[in-house]
Amino acid sequence: NYEKISPSNGKVLEILNGLKDYKMIDIPEDIPHGDMPGDKIEIGDT
């Protein structure tokens, strides 16, 4: 019995359609990660 959001207006599909020429962005050292308590990640070039 959870509260729901409103149905979509097509915004997500519009964004996806605009990403066909997407190029890799700069990734900062500290980005959000999974919700496992105490888990640490080390992101490398690979």
ModelCIF file with pLDDT and N, C-alpha, C, O atoms, coordinates in Angstrom:
data_MODEL
#
_entry.id   MODEL 
#
_entity.id                         1 
_entity.type                       polymer 
_entity.pdbx_number_of_molecules   1 
#
_entity_poly.entity_id                      1 
_entity_poly.type                           'polypeptide(L)' 
_entity_poly.nstd_linkage                   no 
_entity_poly.nstd_monomer                   no 
_entity_poly.pdbx_seq_one_letter_code       NYEKISPSNGKVLEILNGLKDYKMIDIPEDIPHGDMPGDKIEIGDT 
_entity_poly.pdbx_seq_one_letter_code_can   NYEKISPSNGKVLEILNGLKDYKMIDIPEDIPHGDMPGDKIEIGDT 
_entity_poly.pdbx_strand_id                 A 
#
loop_
_entity_poly_seq.entity_id 
_entity_poly_seq.num 
_entity_poly_seq.mon_id 
_entity_poly_seq.hetero 
1 1  ASN n 
1 2  TYR n 
1 3  GLU n 
1 4  LYS n 
1 5  ILE n 
1 6  SER n 
1 7  PRO n 
1 8  SER n 
1 9  ASN n 
1 10 GLY n 
1 11 LYS n 
1 12 VAL n 
1 13 LEU n 
1 14 GLU n 
1 15 ILE n 
1 16 LEU n 
1 17 ASN n 
1 18 GLY n 
1 19 LEU n 
1 20 LYS n 
1 21 ASP n 
1 22 TYR n 
1 23 LYS n 
1 24 MET n 
1 25 ILE n 
1 26 ASP n 
1 27 ILE n 
1 28 PRO n 
1 29 GLU n 
1 30 ASP n 
1 31 ILE n 
1 32 PRO n 
1 33 HIS n 
1 34 GLY n 
1 35 ASP n 
1 36 MET n 
1 37 PRO n 
1 38 GLY n 
1 39 ASP n 
1 40 LYS n 
1 41 ILE n 
1 42 GLU n 
1 43 ILE n 
1 44 GLY n 
1 45 ASP n 
1 46 THR n 
#
_struct_asym.id          A 
_struct_asym.entity_id   1 
#
loop_
_ma_qa_metric.id 
_ma_qa_metric.mode 
_ma_qa_metric.name 
_ma_qa_metric.software_group_id 
_ma_qa_metric.type 
1 global pLDDT . pLDDT 
2 local  pLDDT . pLDDT 
#
_ma_qa_metric_global.metric_id      1 
_ma_qa_metric_global.metric_value   84.63 
_ma_qa_metric_global.model_id       1 
_ma_qa_metric_global.ordinal_id     1 
#
loop_
_ma_qa_metric_local.label_asym_id 
_ma_qa_metric_local.label_comp_id 
_ma_qa_metric_local.label_seq_id 
_ma_qa_metric_local.metric_id 
_ma_qa_metric_local.metric_value 
_ma_qa_metric_local.model_id 
_ma_qa_metric_local.ordinal_id 
A ASN 1  2 71.00 1 1  
A TYR 2  2 81.00 1 2  
A GLU 3  2 94.00 1 3  
A LYS 4  2 96.00 1 4  
A ILE 5  2 95.00 1 5  
A SER 6  2 94.00 1 6  
A PRO 7  2 93.00 1 7  
A SER 8  2 87.00 1 8  
A ASN 9  2 88.00 1 9  
A GLY 10 2 93.00 1 10 
A LYS 11 2 94.00 1 11 
A VAL 12 2 96.00 1 12 
A LEU 13 2 96.00 1 13 
A GLU 14 2 95.00 1 14 
A ILE 15 2 94.00 1 15 
A LEU 16 2 95.00 1 16 
A ASN 17 2 93.00 1 17 
A GLY 18 2 90.00 1 18 
A LEU 19 2 86.00 1 19 
A LYS 20 2 70.00 1 20 
A ASP 21 2 65.00 1 21 
A TYR 22 2 64.00 1 22 
A LYS 23 2 66.00 1 23 
A MET 24 2 65.00 1 24 
A ILE 25 2 69.00 1 25 
A ASP 26 2 78.00 1 26 
A ILE 27 2 83.00 1 27 
A PRO 28 2 80.00 1 28 
A GLU 29 2 76.00 1 29 
A ASP 30 2 81.00 1 30 
A ILE 31 2 86.00 1 31 
A PRO 32 2 81.00 1 32 
A HIS 33 2 85.00 1 33 
A GLY 34 2 85.00 1 34 
A ASP 35 2 85.00 1 35 
A MET 36 2 85.00 1 36 
A PRO 37 2 85.00 1 37 
A GLY 38 2 80.00 1 38 
A ASP 39 2 80.00 1 39 
A LYS 40 2 81.00 1 40 
A ILE 41 2 83.00 1 41 
A GLU 42 2 87.00 1 42 
A ILE 43 2 90.00 1 43 
A GLY 44 2 90.00 1 44 
A ASP 45 2 90.00 1 45 
A THR 46 2 92.00 1 46 
#
loop_
_atom_site.group_PDB 
_atom_site.id 
_atom_site.type_symbol 
_atom_site.label_atom_id 
_atom_site.label_alt_id 
_atom_site.label_comp_id 
_atom_site.label_asym_id 
_atom_site.label_entity_id 
_atom_site.label_seq_id 
_atom_site.pdbx_PDB_ins_code 
_atom_site.Cartn_x 
_atom_site.Cartn_y 
_atom_site.Cartn_z 
_atom_site.occupancy 
_atom_site.B_iso_or_equiv 
_atom_site.pdbx_formal_charge 
_atom_site.auth_seq_id 
_atom_site.auth_comp_id 
_atom_site.auth_asym_id 
_atom_site.auth_atom_id 
_atom_site.pdbx_PDB_model_num 
ATOM 1   N N  . ASN A 1 1  ? 0.842  -1.207 0.000   1.00 71.00 ? 1  ASN A N  1 
ATOM 2   C CA . ASN A 1 1  ? 0.000  0.000  0.000   1.00 71.00 ? 1  ASN A CA 1 
ATOM 3   C C  . ASN A 1 1  ? 0.873  1.252  0.000   1.00 71.00 ? 1  ASN A C  1 
ATOM 4   O O  . ASN A 1 1  ? 0.675  2.157  0.810   1.00 71.00 ? 1  ASN A O  1 
ATOM 5   N N  . TYR A 1 2  ? 1.844  1.294  -0.918  1.00 81.00 ? 2  TYR A N  1 
ATOM 6   C CA . TYR A 1 2  ? 2.761  2.426  -0.951  1.00 81.00 ? 2  TYR A CA 1 
ATOM 7   C C  . TYR A 1 2  ? 2.201  3.548  -1.816  1.00 81.00 ? 2  TYR A C  1 
ATOM 8   O O  . TYR A 1 2  ? 1.415  3.322  -2.737  1.00 81.00 ? 2  TYR A O  1 
ATOM 9   N N  . GLU A 1 3  ? 2.630  4.759  -1.490  1.00 94.00 ? 3  GLU A N  1 
ATOM 10  C CA . GLU A 1 3  ? 2.244  5.916  -2.307  1.00 94.00 ? 3  GLU A CA 1 
ATOM 11  C C  . GLU A 1 3  ? 3.022  5.878  -3.610  1.00 94.00 ? 3  GLU A C  1 
ATOM 12  O O  . GLU A 1 3  ? 4.206  5.542  -3.626  1.00 94.00 ? 3  GLU A O  1 
ATOM 13  N N  . LYS A 1 4  ? 2.349  6.225  -4.705  1.00 96.00 ? 4  LYS A N  1 
ATOM 14  C CA . LYS A 1 4  ? 2.974  6.159  -6.008  1.00 96.00 ? 4  LYS A CA 1 
ATOM 15  C C  . LYS A 1 4  ? 3.264  7.549  -6.574  1.00 96.00 ? 4  LYS A C  1 
ATOM 16  O O  . LYS A 1 4  ? 2.631  8.541  -6.210  1.00 96.00 ? 4  LYS A O  1 
ATOM 17  N N  . ILE A 1 5  ? 4.243  7.583  -7.476  1.00 95.00 ? 5  ILE A N  1 
ATOM 18  C CA . ILE A 1 5  ? 4.506  8.809  -8.209  1.00 95.00 ? 5  ILE A CA 1 
ATOM 19  C C  . ILE A 1 5  ? 3.492  8.921  -9.344  1.00 95.00 ? 5  ILE A C  1 
ATOM 20  O O  . ILE A 1 5  ? 2.738  7.981  -9.596  1.00 95.00 ? 5  ILE A O  1 
ATOM 21  N N  . SER A 1 6  ? 3.468  10.041 -10.017 1.00 94.00 ? 6  SER A N  1 
ATOM 22  C CA . SER A 1 6  ? 2.565  10.222 -11.154 1.00 94.00 ? 6  SER A CA 1 
ATOM 23  C C  . SER A 1 6  ? 3.118  9.488  -12.372 1.00 94.00 ? 6  SER A C  1 
ATOM 24  O O  . SER A 1 6  ? 4.335  9.354  -12.503 1.00 94.00 ? 6  SER A O  1 
ATOM 25  N N  . PRO A 1 7  ? 2.259  9.014  -13.260 1.00 93.00 ? 7  PRO A N  1 
ATOM 26  C CA . PRO A 1 7  ? 2.721  8.371  -14.495 1.00 93.00 ? 7  PRO A CA 1 
ATOM 27  C C  . PRO A 1 7  ? 3.650  9.291  -15.276 1.00 93.00 ? 7  PRO A C  1 
ATOM 28  O O  . PRO A 1 7  ? 3.596  10.512 -15.130 1.00 93.00 ? 7  PRO A O  1 
ATOM 29  N N  . SER A 1 8  ? 4.505  8.694  -16.106 1.00 87.00 ? 8  SER A N  1 
ATOM 30  C CA . SER A 1 8  ? 5.538  9.432  -16.824 1.00 87.00 ? 8  SER A CA 1 
ATOM 31  C C  . SER A 1 8  ? 4.966  10.302 -17.946 1.00 87.00 ? 8  SER A C  1 
ATOM 32  O O  . SER A 1 8  ? 3.865  10.072 -18.447 1.00 87.00 ? 8  SER A O  1 
ATOM 33  N N  . ASN A 1 9  ? 5.762  11.314 -18.317 1.00 88.00 ? 9  ASN A N  1 
ATOM 34  C CA . ASN A 1 9  ? 5.372  12.200 -19.424 1.00 88.00 ? 9  ASN A CA 1 
ATOM 35  C C  . ASN A 1 9  ? 6.306  12.070 -20.625 1.00 88.00 ? 9  ASN A C  1 
ATOM 36  O O  . ASN A 1 9  ? 6.306  12.919 -21.516 1.00 88.00 ? 9  ASN A O  1 
ATOM 37  N N  . GLY A 1 10 ? 7.102  10.997 -20.642 1.00 93.00 ? 10 GLY A N  1 
ATOM 38  C CA . GLY A 1 10 ? 7.997  10.764 -21.769 1.00 93.00 ? 10 GLY A CA 1 
ATOM 39  C C  . GLY A 1 10 ? 9.361  11.420 -21.650 1.00 93.00 ? 10 GLY A C  1 
ATOM 40  O O  . GLY A 1 10 ? 10.153 11.369 -22.591 1.00 93.00 ? 10 GLY A O  1 
ATOM 41  N N  . LYS A 1 11 ? 9.650  12.034 -20.510 1.00 94.00 ? 11 LYS A N  1 
ATOM 42  C CA . LYS A 1 11 ? 10.911 12.753 -20.337 1.00 94.00 ? 11 LYS A CA 1 
ATOM 43  C C  . LYS A 1 11 ? 12.116 11.824 -20.442 1.00 94.00 ? 11 LYS A C  1 
ATOM 44  O O  . LYS A 1 11 ? 13.112 12.169 -21.078 1.00 94.00 ? 11 LYS A O  1 
ATOM 45  N N  . VAL A 1 12 ? 12.033 10.639 -19.818 1.00 96.00 ? 12 VAL A N  1 
ATOM 46  C CA . VAL A 1 12 ? 13.178 9.734  -19.793 1.00 96.00 ? 12 VAL A CA 1 
ATOM 47  C C  . VAL A 1 12 ? 13.527 9.260  -21.202 1.00 96.00 ? 12 VAL A C  1 
ATOM 48  O O  . VAL A 1 12 ? 14.696 9.243  -21.589 1.00 96.00 ? 12 VAL A O  1 
ATOM 49  N N  . LEU A 1 13 ? 12.509 8.878  -21.959 1.00 96.00 ? 13 LEU A N  1 
ATOM 50  C CA . LEU A 1 13 ? 12.755 8.431  -23.329 1.00 96.00 ? 13 LEU A CA 1 
ATOM 51  C C  . LEU A 1 13 ? 13.374 9.554  -24.164 1.00 96.00 ? 13 LEU A C  1 
ATOM 52  O O  . LEU A 1 13 ? 14.239 9.306  -25.005 1.00 96.00 ? 13 LEU A O  1 
ATOM 53  N N  . GLU A 1 14 ? 12.929 10.780 -23.929 1.00 95.00 ? 14 GLU A N  1 
ATOM 54  C CA . GLU A 1 14 ? 13.486 11.921 -24.652 1.00 95.00 ? 14 GLU A CA 1 
ATOM 55  C C  . GLU A 1 14 ? 14.972 12.077 -24.366 1.00 95.00 ? 14 GLU A C  1 
ATOM 56  O O  . GLU A 1 14 ? 15.767 12.336 -25.269 1.00 95.00 ? 14 GLU A O  1 
ATOM 57  N N  . ILE A 1 15 ? 15.339 11.915 -23.092 1.00 94.00 ? 15 ILE A N  1 
ATOM 58  C CA . ILE A 1 15 ? 16.759 12.014 -22.715 1.00 94.00 ? 15 ILE A CA 1 
ATOM 59  C C  . ILE A 1 15 ? 17.560 10.894 -23.367 1.00 94.00 ? 15 ILE A C  1 
ATOM 60  O O  . ILE A 1 15 ? 18.638 11.131 -23.913 1.00 94.00 ? 15 ILE A O  1 
ATOM 61  N N  . LEU A 1 16 ? 17.031 9.670  -23.310 1.00 95.00 ? 16 LEU A N  1 
ATOM 62  C CA . LEU A 1 16 ? 17.727 8.530  -23.908 1.00 95.00 ? 16 LEU A CA 1 
ATOM 63  C C  . LEU A 1 16 ? 17.950 8.732  -25.401 1.00 95.00 ? 16 LEU A C  1 
ATOM 64  O O  . LEU A 1 16 ? 19.016 8.413  -25.926 1.00 95.00 ? 16 LEU A O  1 
ATOM 65  N N  . ASN A 1 17 ? 16.952 9.257  -26.072 1.00 93.00 ? 17 ASN A N  1 
ATOM 66  C CA . ASN A 1 17 ? 17.075 9.493  -27.510 1.00 93.00 ? 17 ASN A CA 1 
ATOM 67  C C  . ASN A 1 17 ? 18.126 10.545 -27.834 1.00 93.00 ? 17 ASN A C  1 
ATOM 68  O O  . ASN A 1 17 ? 18.682 10.569 -28.932 1.00 93.00 ? 17 ASN A O  1 
ATOM 69  N N  . GLY A 1 18 ? 18.387 11.403 -26.875 1.00 90.00 ? 18 GLY A N  1 
ATOM 70  C CA . GLY A 1 18 ? 19.382 12.451 -27.093 1.00 90.00 ? 18 GLY A CA 1 
ATOM 71  C C  . GLY A 1 18 ? 20.794 12.034 -26.739 1.00 90.00 ? 18 GLY A C  1 
ATOM 72  O O  . GLY A 1 18 ? 21.723 12.835 -26.848 1.00 90.00 ? 18 GLY A O  1 
ATOM 73  N N  . LEU A 1 19 ? 20.972 10.774 -26.310 1.00 86.00 ? 19 LEU A N  1 
ATOM 74  C CA . LEU A 1 19 ? 22.289 10.317 -25.869 1.00 86.00 ? 19 LEU A CA 1 
ATOM 75  C C  . LEU A 1 19 ? 23.009 9.471  -26.906 1.00 86.00 ? 19 LEU A C  1 
ATOM 76  O O  . LEU A 1 19 ? 23.983 8.795  -26.579 1.00 86.00 ? 19 LEU A O  1 
ATOM 77  N N  . LYS A 1 20 ? 22.544 9.498  -28.159 1.00 70.00 ? 20 LYS A N  1 
ATOM 78  C CA . LYS A 1 20 ? 23.147 8.634  -29.173 1.00 70.00 ? 20 LYS A CA 1 
ATOM 79  C C  . LYS A 1 20 ? 24.609 8.990  -29.455 1.00 70.00 ? 20 LYS A C  1 
ATOM 80  O O  . LYS A 1 20 ? 25.387 8.125  -29.858 1.00 70.00 ? 20 LYS A O  1 
ATOM 81  N N  . ASP A 1 21 ? 24.983 10.235 -29.252 1.00 65.00 ? 21 ASP A N  1 
ATOM 82  C CA . ASP A 1 21 ? 26.370 10.654 -29.477 1.00 65.00 ? 21 ASP A CA 1 
ATOM 83  C C  . ASP A 1 21 ? 27.104 10.869 -28.154 1.00 65.00 ? 21 ASP A C  1 
ATOM 84  O O  . ASP A 1 21 ? 28.030 11.673 -28.057 1.00 65.00 ? 21 ASP A O  1 
ATOM 85  N N  . TYR A 1 22 ? 26.660 10.124 -27.135 1.00 64.00 ? 22 TYR A N  1 
ATOM 86  C CA . TYR A 1 22 ? 27.227 10.308 -25.798 1.00 64.00 ? 22 TYR A CA 1 
ATOM 87  C C  . TYR A 1 22 ? 28.710 9.950  -25.777 1.00 64.00 ? 22 TYR A C  1 
ATOM 88  O O  . TYR A 1 22 ? 29.121 8.943  -26.354 1.00 64.00 ? 22 TYR A O  1 
ATOM 89  N N  . LYS A 1 23 ? 29.507 10.780 -25.108 1.00 66.00 ? 23 LYS A N  1 
ATOM 90  C CA . LYS A 1 23 ? 30.921 10.502 -24.913 1.00 66.00 ? 23 LYS A CA 1 
ATOM 91  C C  . LYS A 1 23 ? 31.218 10.420 -23.418 1.00 66.00 ? 23 LYS A C  1 
ATOM 92  O O  . LYS A 1 23 ? 30.526 11.027 -22.601 1.00 66.00 ? 23 LYS A O  1 
ATOM 93  N N  . MET A 1 24 ? 32.252 9.665  -23.076 1.00 65.00 ? 24 MET A N  1 
ATOM 94  C CA . MET A 1 24 ? 32.623 9.457  -21.683 1.00 65.00 ? 24 MET A CA 1 
ATOM 95  C C  . MET A 1 24 ? 32.902 10.783 -20.982 1.00 65.00 ? 24 MET A C  1 
ATOM 96  O O  . MET A 1 24 ? 33.650 11.621 -21.485 1.00 65.00 ? 24 MET A O  1 
ATOM 97  N N  . ILE A 1 25 ? 32.294 10.956 -19.825 1.00 69.00 ? 25 ILE A N  1 
ATOM 98  C CA . ILE A 1 25 ? 32.474 12.180 -19.053 1.00 69.00 ? 25 ILE A CA 1 
ATOM 99  C C  . ILE A 1 25 ? 33.591 11.996 -18.031 1.00 69.00 ? 25 ILE A C  1 
ATOM 100 O O  . ILE A 1 25 ? 34.019 10.874 -17.759 1.00 69.00 ? 25 ILE A O  1 
ATOM 101 N N  . ASP A 1 26 ? 34.051 13.092 -17.479 1.00 78.00 ? 26 ASP A N  1 
ATOM 102 C CA . ASP A 1 26 ? 35.052 13.018 -16.419 1.00 78.00 ? 26 ASP A CA 1 
ATOM 103 C C  . ASP A 1 26 ? 34.414 12.422 -15.164 1.00 78.00 ? 26 ASP A C  1 
ATOM 104 O O  . ASP A 1 26 ? 33.321 12.820 -14.763 1.00 78.00 ? 26 ASP A O  1 
ATOM 105 N N  . ILE A 1 27 ? 35.098 11.479 -14.563 1.00 83.00 ? 27 ILE A N  1 
ATOM 106 C CA . ILE A 1 27 ? 34.591 10.810 -13.360 1.00 83.00 ? 27 ILE A CA 1 
ATOM 107 C C  . ILE A 1 27 ? 35.417 11.254 -12.163 1.00 83.00 ? 27 ILE A C  1 
ATOM 108 O O  . ILE A 1 27 ? 36.624 11.010 -12.140 1.00 83.00 ? 27 ILE A O  1 
ATOM 109 N N  . PRO A 1 28 ? 34.812 11.897 -11.163 1.00 80.00 ? 28 PRO A N  1 
ATOM 110 C CA . PRO A 1 28 ? 35.562 12.278 -9.961  1.00 80.00 ? 28 PRO A CA 1 
ATOM 111 C C  . PRO A 1 28 ? 35.973 11.057 -9.162  1.00 80.00 ? 28 PRO A C  1 
ATOM 112 O O  . PRO A 1 28 ? 35.445 9.965  -9.373  1.00 80.00 ? 28 PRO A O  1 
ATOM 113 N N  . GLU A 1 29 ? 36.905 11.235 -8.252  1.00 76.00 ? 29 GLU A N  1 
ATOM 114 C CA . GLU A 1 29 ? 37.414 10.102 -7.477  1.00 76.00 ? 29 GLU A CA 1 
ATOM 115 C C  . GLU A 1 29 ? 36.350 9.489  -6.579  1.00 76.00 ? 29 GLU A C  1 
ATOM 116 O O  . GLU A 1 29 ? 36.300 8.270  -6.422  1.00 76.00 ? 29 GLU A O  1 
ATOM 117 N N  . ASP A 1 30 ? 35.504 10.314 -5.993  1.00 81.00 ? 30 ASP A N  1 
ATOM 118 C CA . ASP A 1 30 ? 34.520 9.826  -5.027  1.00 81.00 ? 30 ASP A CA 1 
ATOM 119 C C  . ASP A 1 30 ? 33.118 9.988  -5.600  1.00 81.00 ? 30 ASP A C  1 
ATOM 120 O O  . ASP A 1 30 ? 32.581 11.096 -5.632  1.00 81.00 ? 30 ASP A O  1 
ATOM 121 N N  . ILE A 1 31 ? 32.523 8.879  -6.055  1.00 86.00 ? 31 ILE A N  1 
ATOM 122 C CA . ILE A 1 31 ? 31.162 8.922  -6.579  1.00 86.00 ? 31 ILE A CA 1 
ATOM 123 C C  . ILE A 1 31 ? 30.287 7.998  -5.751  1.00 86.00 ? 31 ILE A C  1 
ATOM 124 O O  . ILE A 1 31 ? 30.806 7.081  -5.114  1.00 86.00 ? 31 ILE A O  1 
ATOM 125 N N  . PRO A 1 32 ? 28.967 8.209  -5.738  1.00 81.00 ? 32 PRO A N  1 
ATOM 126 C CA . PRO A 1 32 ? 28.075 7.323  -4.977  1.00 81.00 ? 32 PRO A CA 1 
ATOM 127 C C  . PRO A 1 32 ? 28.227 5.877  -5.435  1.00 81.00 ? 32 PRO A C  1 
ATOM 128 O O  . PRO A 1 32 ? 28.495 5.605  -6.606  1.00 81.00 ? 32 PRO A O  1 
ATOM 129 N N  . HIS A 1 33 ? 28.048 4.943  -4.476  1.00 85.00 ? 33 HIS A N  1 
ATOM 130 C CA . HIS A 1 33 ? 28.152 3.531  -4.837  1.00 85.00 ? 33 HIS A CA 1 
ATOM 131 C C  . HIS A 1 33 ? 27.032 2.749  -4.164  1.00 85.00 ? 33 HIS A C  1 
ATOM 132 O O  . HIS A 1 33 ? 26.114 3.338  -3.593  1.00 85.00 ? 33 HIS A O  1 
ATOM 133 N N  . GLY A 1 34 ? 27.106 1.441  -4.228  1.00 85.00 ? 34 GLY A N  1 
ATOM 134 C CA . GLY A 1 34 ? 26.047 0.586  -3.698  1.00 85.00 ? 34 GLY A CA 1 
ATOM 135 C C  . GLY A 1 34 ? 25.795 0.792  -2.226  1.00 85.00 ? 34 GLY A C  1 
ATOM 136 O O  . GLY A 1 34 ? 26.591 1.417  -1.525  1.00 85.00 ? 34 GLY A O  1 
ATOM 137 N N  . ASP A 1 35 ? 24.657 0.252  -1.753  1.00 85.00 ? 35 ASP A N  1 
ATOM 138 C CA . ASP A 1 35 ? 24.213 0.524  -0.384  1.00 85.00 ? 35 ASP A CA 1 
ATOM 139 C C  . ASP A 1 35 ? 24.617 -0.538 0.628   1.00 85.00 ? 35 ASP A C  1 
ATOM 140 O O  . ASP A 1 35 ? 24.019 -0.617 1.701   1.00 85.00 ? 35 ASP A O  1 
ATOM 141 N N  . MET A 1 36 ? 25.623 -1.361 0.313   1.00 85.00 ? 36 MET A N  1 
ATOM 142 C CA . MET A 1 36 ? 26.140 -2.334 1.263   1.00 85.00 ? 36 MET A CA 1 
ATOM 143 C C  . MET A 1 36 ? 26.968 -1.612 2.320   1.00 85.00 ? 36 MET A C  1 
ATOM 144 O O  . MET A 1 36 ? 27.957 -0.964 1.978   1.00 85.00 ? 36 MET A O  1 
ATOM 145 N N  . PRO A 1 37 ? 26.586 -1.707 3.614   1.00 85.00 ? 37 PRO A N  1 
ATOM 146 C CA . PRO A 1 37 ? 27.330 -0.997 4.658   1.00 85.00 ? 37 PRO A CA 1 
ATOM 147 C C  . PRO A 1 37 ? 28.811 -1.383 4.680   1.00 85.00 ? 37 PRO A C  1 
ATOM 148 O O  . PRO A 1 37 ? 29.158 -2.564 4.658   1.00 85.00 ? 37 PRO A O  1 
ATOM 149 N N  . GLY A 1 38 ? 29.665 -0.376 4.725   1.00 80.00 ? 38 GLY A N  1 
ATOM 150 C CA . GLY A 1 38 ? 31.093 -0.613 4.844   1.00 80.00 ? 38 GLY A CA 1 
ATOM 151 C C  . GLY A 1 38 ? 31.789 -0.979 3.550   1.00 80.00 ? 38 GLY A C  1 
ATOM 152 O O  . GLY A 1 38 ? 33.011 -1.128 3.534   1.00 80.00 ? 38 GLY A O  1 
ATOM 153 N N  . ASP A 1 39 ? 31.037 -1.128 2.452   1.00 80.00 ? 39 ASP A N  1 
ATOM 154 C CA . ASP A 1 39 ? 31.653 -1.513 1.189   1.00 80.00 ? 39 ASP A CA 1 
ATOM 155 C C  . ASP A 1 39 ? 32.450 -0.346 0.621   1.00 80.00 ? 39 ASP A C  1 
ATOM 156 O O  . ASP A 1 39 ? 32.003 0.800  0.661   1.00 80.00 ? 39 ASP A O  1 
ATOM 157 N N  . LYS A 1 40 ? 33.628 -0.644 0.094   1.00 81.00 ? 40 LYS A N  1 
ATOM 158 C CA . LYS A 1 40 ? 34.469 0.377  -0.500  1.00 81.00 ? 40 LYS A CA 1 
ATOM 159 C C  . LYS A 1 40 ? 34.776 -0.015 -1.948  1.00 81.00 ? 40 LYS A C  1 
ATOM 160 O O  . LYS A 1 40 ? 34.951 -1.193 -2.260  1.00 81.00 ? 40 LYS A O  1 
ATOM 161 N N  . ILE A 1 41 ? 34.836 0.972  -2.807  1.00 83.00 ? 41 ILE A N  1 
ATOM 162 C CA . ILE A 1 41 ? 35.170 0.702  -4.195  1.00 83.00 ? 41 ILE A CA 1 
ATOM 163 C C  . ILE A 1 41 ? 36.376 1.533  -4.599  1.00 83.00 ? 41 ILE A C  1 
ATOM 164 O O  . ILE A 1 41 ? 36.584 2.638  -4.097  1.00 83.00 ? 41 ILE A O  1 
ATOM 165 N N  . GLU A 1 42 ? 37.158 0.993  -5.503  1.00 87.00 ? 42 GLU A N  1 
ATOM 166 C CA . GLU A 1 42 ? 38.318 1.701  -6.036  1.00 87.00 ? 42 GLU A CA 1 
ATOM 167 C C  . GLU A 1 42 ? 38.214 1.667  -7.552  1.00 87.00 ? 42 GLU A C  1 
ATOM 168 O O  . GLU A 1 42 ? 38.512 0.653  -8.182  1.00 87.00 ? 42 GLU A O  1 
ATOM 169 N N  . ILE A 1 43 ? 37.792 2.776  -8.128  1.00 90.00 ? 43 ILE A N  1 
ATOM 170 C CA . ILE A 1 43 ? 37.563 2.845  -9.567  1.00 90.00 ? 43 ILE A CA 1 
ATOM 171 C C  . ILE A 1 43 ? 38.852 3.210  -10.288 1.00 90.00 ? 43 ILE A C  1 
ATOM 172 O O  . ILE A 1 43 ? 39.484 4.227  -10.004 1.00 90.00 ? 43 ILE A O  1 
ATOM 173 N N  . GLY A 1 44 ? 39.225 2.336  -11.243 1.00 90.00 ? 44 GLY A N  1 
ATOM 174 C CA . GLY A 1 44 ? 40.418 2.575  -12.030 1.00 90.00 ? 44 GLY A CA 1 
ATOM 175 C C  . GLY A 1 44 ? 40.078 2.835  -13.486 1.00 90.00 ? 44 GLY A C  1 
ATOM 176 O O  . GLY A 1 44 ? 38.909 2.843  -13.873 1.00 90.00 ? 44 GLY A O  1 
ATOM 177 N N  . ASP A 1 45 ? 41.104 3.044  -14.280 1.00 90.00 ? 45 ASP A N  1 
ATOM 178 C CA . ASP A 1 45 ? 40.904 3.326  -15.698 1.00 90.00 ? 45 ASP A CA 1 
ATOM 179 C C  . ASP A 1 45 ? 40.243 2.150  -16.417 1.00 90.00 ? 45 ASP A C  1 
ATOM 180 O O  . ASP A 1 45 ? 39.472 2.351  -17.355 1.00 90.00 ? 45 ASP A O  1 
ATOM 181 N N  . THR A 1 46 ? 40.542 0.933  -15.985 1.00 92.00 ? 46 THR A N  1 
ATOM 182 C CA . THR A 1 46 ? 39.942 -0.240 -16.620 1.00 92.00 ? 46 THR A CA 1 
ATOM 183 C C  . THR A 1 46 ? 38.435 -0.255 -16.417 1.00 92.00 ? 46 THR A C  1 
ATOM 184 O O  . THR A 1 46 ? 37.759 -1.171 -16.884 1.00 92.00 ? 46 THR A O  1 
#
